[in-house]
């Protein structure tokens, strides 16, 4: 998993992952919307998101 579980989006992408487990990071956040947007931004930066 990414975020709370200690994983790094860039490392996961470079390893060839097809899915990013990010739910716990979003649900457990004090500001879930901000966390979701931050994760989305990170995915875009590594050319994963559409």
PDB file of N, CA and C in Angstrom:
ATOM      1  N   UNK A   1       0.810  -1.189   0.000  1.00  0.00           N
ATOM      2  CA  UNK A   1       0.000   0.000   0.000  1.00  0.00           C
ATOM      3  C   UNK A   1       0.856   1.257   0.000  1.00  0.00           C
ATOM      4  N   UNK A   2       0.252   2.323  -0.428  1.00  0.00           N
ATOM      5  CA  UNK A   2       0.912   3.618  -0.541  1.00  0.00           C
ATOM      6  C   UNK A   2       0.461   4.518   0.598  1.00  0.00           C
ATOM      7  N   UNK A   3       1.325   5.391   1.040  1.00  0.00           N
ATOM      8  CA  UNK A   3       0.956   6.370   2.069  1.00  0.00           C
ATOM      9  C   UNK A   3       1.067   5.801   3.459  1.00  0.00           C
ATOM     10  N   UNK A   4      -0.080   5.572   4.104  1.00  0.00           N
ATOM     11  CA  UNK A   4      -0.121   5.097   5.490  1.00  0.00           C
ATOM     12  C   UNK A   4       0.663   3.797   5.655  1.00  0.00           C
ATOM     13  N   UNK A   5       0.596   2.933   4.658  1.00  0.00           N
ATOM     14  CA  UNK A   5       1.282   1.648   4.754  1.00  0.00           C
ATOM     15  C   UNK A   5       2.769   1.757   4.434  1.00  0.00           C
ATOM     16  N   UNK A   6       3.217   2.945   4.074  1.00  0.00           N
ATOM     17  CA  UNK A   6       4.644   3.177   3.895  1.00  0.00           C
ATOM     18  C   UNK A   6       5.151   3.127   2.473  1.00  0.00           C
ATOM     19  N   UNK A   7       4.303   2.754   1.524  1.00  0.00           N
ATOM     20  CA  UNK A   7       4.734   2.676   0.135  1.00  0.00           C
ATOM     21  C   UNK A   7       4.879   4.039  -0.514  1.00  0.00           C
ATOM     22  N   UNK A   8       5.625   4.075  -1.579  1.00  0.00           N
ATOM     23  CA  UNK A   8       5.888   5.303  -2.320  1.00  0.00           C
ATOM     24  C   UNK A   8       5.307   5.152  -3.724  1.00  0.00           C
ATOM     25  N   UNK A   9       4.510   6.127  -4.170  1.00  0.00           N
ATOM     26  CA  UNK A   9       3.851   6.042  -5.472  1.00  0.00           C
ATOM     27  C   UNK A   9       4.871   5.899  -6.601  1.00  0.00           C
ATOM     28  N   UNK A  10       5.910   6.696  -6.576  1.00  0.00           N
ATOM     29  CA  UNK A  10       6.901   6.651  -7.657  1.00  0.00           C
ATOM     30  C   UNK A  10       7.598   5.296  -7.708  1.00  0.00           C
ATOM     31  N   UNK A  11       7.979   4.770  -6.557  1.00  0.00           N
ATOM     32  CA  UNK A  11       8.637   3.462  -6.521  1.00  0.00           C
ATOM     33  C   UNK A  11       7.695   2.369  -7.009  1.00  0.00           C
ATOM     34  N   UNK A  12       6.432   2.446  -6.595  1.00  0.00           N
ATOM     35  CA  UNK A  12       5.452   1.448  -7.029  1.00  0.00           C
ATOM     36  C   UNK A  12       5.256   1.511  -8.539  1.00  0.00           C
ATOM     37  N   UNK A  13       5.159   2.717  -9.084  1.00  0.00           N
ATOM     38  CA  UNK A  13       4.986   2.884 -10.528  1.00  0.00           C
ATOM     39  C   UNK A  13       6.195   2.348 -11.283  1.00  0.00           C
ATOM     40  N   UNK A  14       7.372   2.645 -10.791  1.00  0.00           N
ATOM     41  CA  UNK A  14       8.591   2.172 -11.444  1.00  0.00           C
ATOM     42  C   UNK A  14       8.741   0.657 -11.364  1.00  0.00           C
ATOM     43  N   UNK A  15       8.076   0.047 -10.392  1.00  0.00           N
ATOM     44  CA  UNK A  15       8.119  -1.410 -10.250  1.00  0.00           C
ATOM     45  C   UNK A  15       7.097  -2.095 -11.144  1.00  0.00           C
ATOM     46  N   UNK A  16       6.254  -1.294 -11.805  1.00  0.00           N
ATOM     47  CA  UNK A  16       5.294  -1.854 -12.748  1.00  0.00           C
ATOM     48  C   UNK A  16       3.939  -2.203 -12.174  1.00  0.00           C
ATOM     49  N   UNK A  17       3.589  -1.655 -11.029  1.00  0.00           N
ATOM     50  CA  UNK A  17       2.294  -1.974 -10.430  1.00  0.00           C
ATOM     51  C   UNK A  17       1.145  -1.501 -11.316  1.00  0.00           C
ATOM     52  N   UNK A  18       0.041  -2.218 -11.271  1.00  0.00           N
ATOM     53  CA  UNK A  18      -1.161  -1.841 -12.011  1.00  0.00           C
ATOM     54  C   UNK A  18      -2.159  -1.122 -11.120  1.00  0.00           C
ATOM     55  N   UNK A  19      -2.056  -1.315  -9.810  1.00  0.00           N
ATOM     56  CA  UNK A  19      -3.003  -0.745  -8.857  1.00  0.00           C
ATOM     57  C   UNK A  19      -2.250  -0.127  -7.684  1.00  0.00           C
ATOM     58  N   UNK A  20      -2.797   0.980  -7.188  1.00  0.00           N
ATOM     59  CA  UNK A  20      -2.226   1.646  -6.026  1.00  0.00           C
ATOM     60  C   UNK A  20      -3.236   1.560  -4.891  1.00  0.00           C
ATOM     61  N   UNK A  21      -2.846   0.976  -3.789  1.00  0.00           N
ATOM     62  CA  UNK A  21      -3.738   0.833  -2.641  1.00  0.00           C
ATOM     63  C   UNK A  21      -3.593   2.094  -1.798  1.00  0.00           C
ATOM     64  N   UNK A  22      -4.596   2.974  -1.900  1.00  0.00           N
ATOM     65  CA  UNK A  22      -4.511   4.282  -1.258  1.00  0.00           C
ATOM     66  C   UNK A  22      -5.705   4.592  -0.357  1.00  0.00           C
ATOM     67  N   UNK A  23      -6.660   3.682  -0.282  1.00  0.00           N
ATOM     68  CA  UNK A  23      -7.890   3.938   0.467  1.00  0.00           C
ATOM     69  C   UNK A  23      -7.678   4.290   1.923  1.00  0.00           C
ATOM     70  N   UNK A  24      -6.810   3.571   2.598  1.00  0.00           N
ATOM     71  CA  UNK A  24      -6.583   3.817   4.022  1.00  0.00           C
ATOM     72  C   UNK A  24      -6.003   5.210   4.253  1.00  0.00           C
ATOM     73  N   UNK A  25      -5.149   5.650   3.350  1.00  0.00           N
ATOM     74  CA  UNK A  25      -4.577   6.998   3.470  1.00  0.00           C
ATOM     75  C   UNK A  25      -5.658   8.060   3.365  1.00  0.00           C
ATOM     76  N   UNK A  26      -6.619   7.845   2.473  1.00  0.00           N
ATOM     77  CA  UNK A  26      -7.692   8.821   2.271  1.00  0.00           C
ATOM     78  C   UNK A  26      -8.689   8.772   3.419  1.00  0.00           C
ATOM     79  N   UNK A  27      -9.161   7.583   3.742  1.00  0.00           N
ATOM     80  CA  UNK A  27     -10.188   7.424   4.781  1.00  0.00           C
ATOM     81  C   UNK A  27      -9.680   7.876   6.147  1.00  0.00           C
ATOM     82  N   UNK A  28      -8.425   7.605   6.455  1.00  0.00           N
ATOM     83  CA  UNK A  28      -7.871   7.953   7.758  1.00  0.00           C
ATOM     84  C   UNK A  28      -7.393   9.391   7.877  1.00  0.00           C
ATOM     85  N   UNK A  29      -7.499  10.138   6.805  1.00  0.00           N
ATOM     86  CA  UNK A  29      -7.011  11.511   6.794  1.00  0.00           C
ATOM     87  C   UNK A  29      -7.978  12.463   7.489  1.00  0.00           C
ATOM     88  N   UNK A  30      -7.430  13.523   8.076  1.00  0.00           N
ATOM     89  CA  UNK A  30      -8.277  14.572   8.656  1.00  0.00           C
ATOM     90  C   UNK A  30      -8.973  15.361   7.555  1.00  0.00           C
ATOM     91  N   UNK A  31      -8.388  15.391   6.363  1.00  0.00           N
ATOM     92  CA  UNK A  31      -8.957  16.087   5.206  1.00  0.00           C
ATOM     93  C   UNK A  31      -8.892  15.136   4.006  1.00  0.00           C
ATOM     94  N   UNK A  32      -9.875  14.214   3.899  1.00  0.00           N
ATOM     95  CA  UNK A  32      -9.838  13.202   2.842  1.00  0.00           C
ATOM     96  C   UNK A  32      -9.770  13.775   1.425  1.00  0.00           C
ATOM     97  N   UNK A  33     -10.484  14.849   1.169  1.00  0.00           N
ATOM     98  CA  UNK A  33     -10.463  15.433  -0.175  1.00  0.00           C
ATOM     99  C   UNK A  33      -9.066  15.945  -0.529  1.00  0.00           C
ATOM    100  N   UNK A  34      -8.452  16.634   0.407  1.00  0.00           N
ATOM    101  CA  UNK A  34      -7.098  17.146   0.170  1.00  0.00           C
ATOM    102  C   UNK A  34      -6.119  15.993  -0.051  1.00  0.00           C
ATOM    103  N   UNK A  35      -6.245  14.943   0.747  1.00  0.00           N
ATOM    104  CA  UNK A  35      -5.365  13.789   0.605  1.00  0.00           C
ATOM    105  C   UNK A  35      -5.559  13.123  -0.745  1.00  0.00           C
ATOM    106  N   UNK A  36      -6.809  12.953  -1.166  1.00  0.00           N
ATOM    107  CA  UNK A  36      -7.094  12.344  -2.466  1.00  0.00           C
ATOM    108  C   UNK A  36      -6.497  13.179  -3.596  1.00  0.00           C
ATOM    109  N   UNK A  37      -6.642  14.490  -3.504  1.00  0.00           N
ATOM    110  CA  UNK A  37      -6.084  15.372  -4.536  1.00  0.00           C
ATOM    111  C   UNK A  37      -4.556  15.317  -4.549  1.00  0.00           C
ATOM    112  N   UNK A  38      -3.955  15.240  -3.378  1.00  0.00           N
ATOM    113  CA  UNK A  38      -2.499  15.141  -3.295  1.00  0.00           C
ATOM    114  C   UNK A  38      -2.011  13.849  -3.941  1.00  0.00           C
ATOM    115  N   UNK A  39      -2.674  12.747  -3.636  1.00  0.00           N
ATOM    116  CA  UNK A  39      -2.298  11.465  -4.233  1.00  0.00           C
ATOM    117  C   UNK A  39      -2.499  11.491  -5.743  1.00  0.00           C
ATOM    118  N   UNK A  40      -3.595  12.085  -6.197  1.00  0.00           N
ATOM    119  CA  UNK A  40      -3.840  12.205  -7.634  1.00  0.00           C
ATOM    120  C   UNK A  40      -2.722  13.012  -8.294  1.00  0.00           C
ATOM    121  N   UNK A  41      -2.333  14.102  -7.664  1.00  0.00           N
ATOM    122  CA  UNK A  41      -1.257  14.935  -8.198  1.00  0.00           C
ATOM    123  C   UNK A  41       0.043  14.127  -8.303  1.00  0.00           C
ATOM    124  N   UNK A  42       0.324  13.323  -7.301  1.00  0.00           N
ATOM    125  CA  UNK A  42       1.530  12.498  -7.331  1.00  0.00           C
ATOM    126  C   UNK A  42       1.461  11.486  -8.464  1.00  0.00           C
ATOM    127  N   UNK A  43       0.286  10.918  -8.697  1.00  0.00           N
ATOM    128  CA  UNK A  43       0.126   9.958  -9.789  1.00  0.00           C
ATOM    129  C   UNK A  43       0.334  10.627 -11.142  1.00  0.00           C
ATOM    130  N   UNK A  44      -0.195  11.820 -11.298  1.00  0.00           N
ATOM    131  CA  UNK A  44      -0.019  12.550 -12.554  1.00  0.00           C
ATOM    132  C   UNK A  44       1.461  12.833 -12.786  1.00  0.00           C
ATOM    133  N   UNK A  45       2.167  13.168 -11.732  1.00  0.00           N
ATOM    134  CA  UNK A  45       3.596  13.482 -11.856  1.00  0.00           C
ATOM    135  C   UNK A  45       4.407  12.291 -12.343  1.00  0.00           C
ATOM    136  N   UNK A  46       3.945  11.082 -12.081  1.00  0.00           N
ATOM    137  CA  UNK A  46       4.665   9.904 -12.571  1.00  0.00           C
ATOM    138  C   UNK A  46       3.955   9.308 -13.788  1.00  0.00           C
ATOM    139  N   UNK A  47       3.080  10.113 -14.409  1.00  0.00           N
ATOM    140  CA  UNK A  47       2.387   9.741 -15.646  1.00  0.00           C
ATOM    141  C   UNK A  47       1.560   8.470 -15.520  1.00  0.00           C
ATOM    142  N   UNK A  48       0.849   8.328 -14.413  1.00  0.00           N
ATOM    143  CA  UNK A  48       0.008   7.162 -14.199  1.00  0.00           C
ATOM    144  C   UNK A  48      -1.460   7.516 -14.386  1.00  0.00           C
ATOM    145  N   UNK A  49      -1.901   8.645 -13.875  1.00  0.00           N
ATOM    146  CA  UNK A  49      -3.317   9.018 -13.943  1.00  0.00           C
ATOM    147  C   UNK A  49      -3.674   9.524 -15.330  1.00  0.00           C
ATOM    148  N   UNK A  50      -4.958   9.405 -15.645  1.00  0.00           N
ATOM    149  CA  UNK A  50      -5.458   9.916 -16.932  1.00  0.00           C
ATOM    150  C   UNK A  50      -5.706  11.394 -16.865  1.00  0.00           C
TER     151      UNK A  50
END
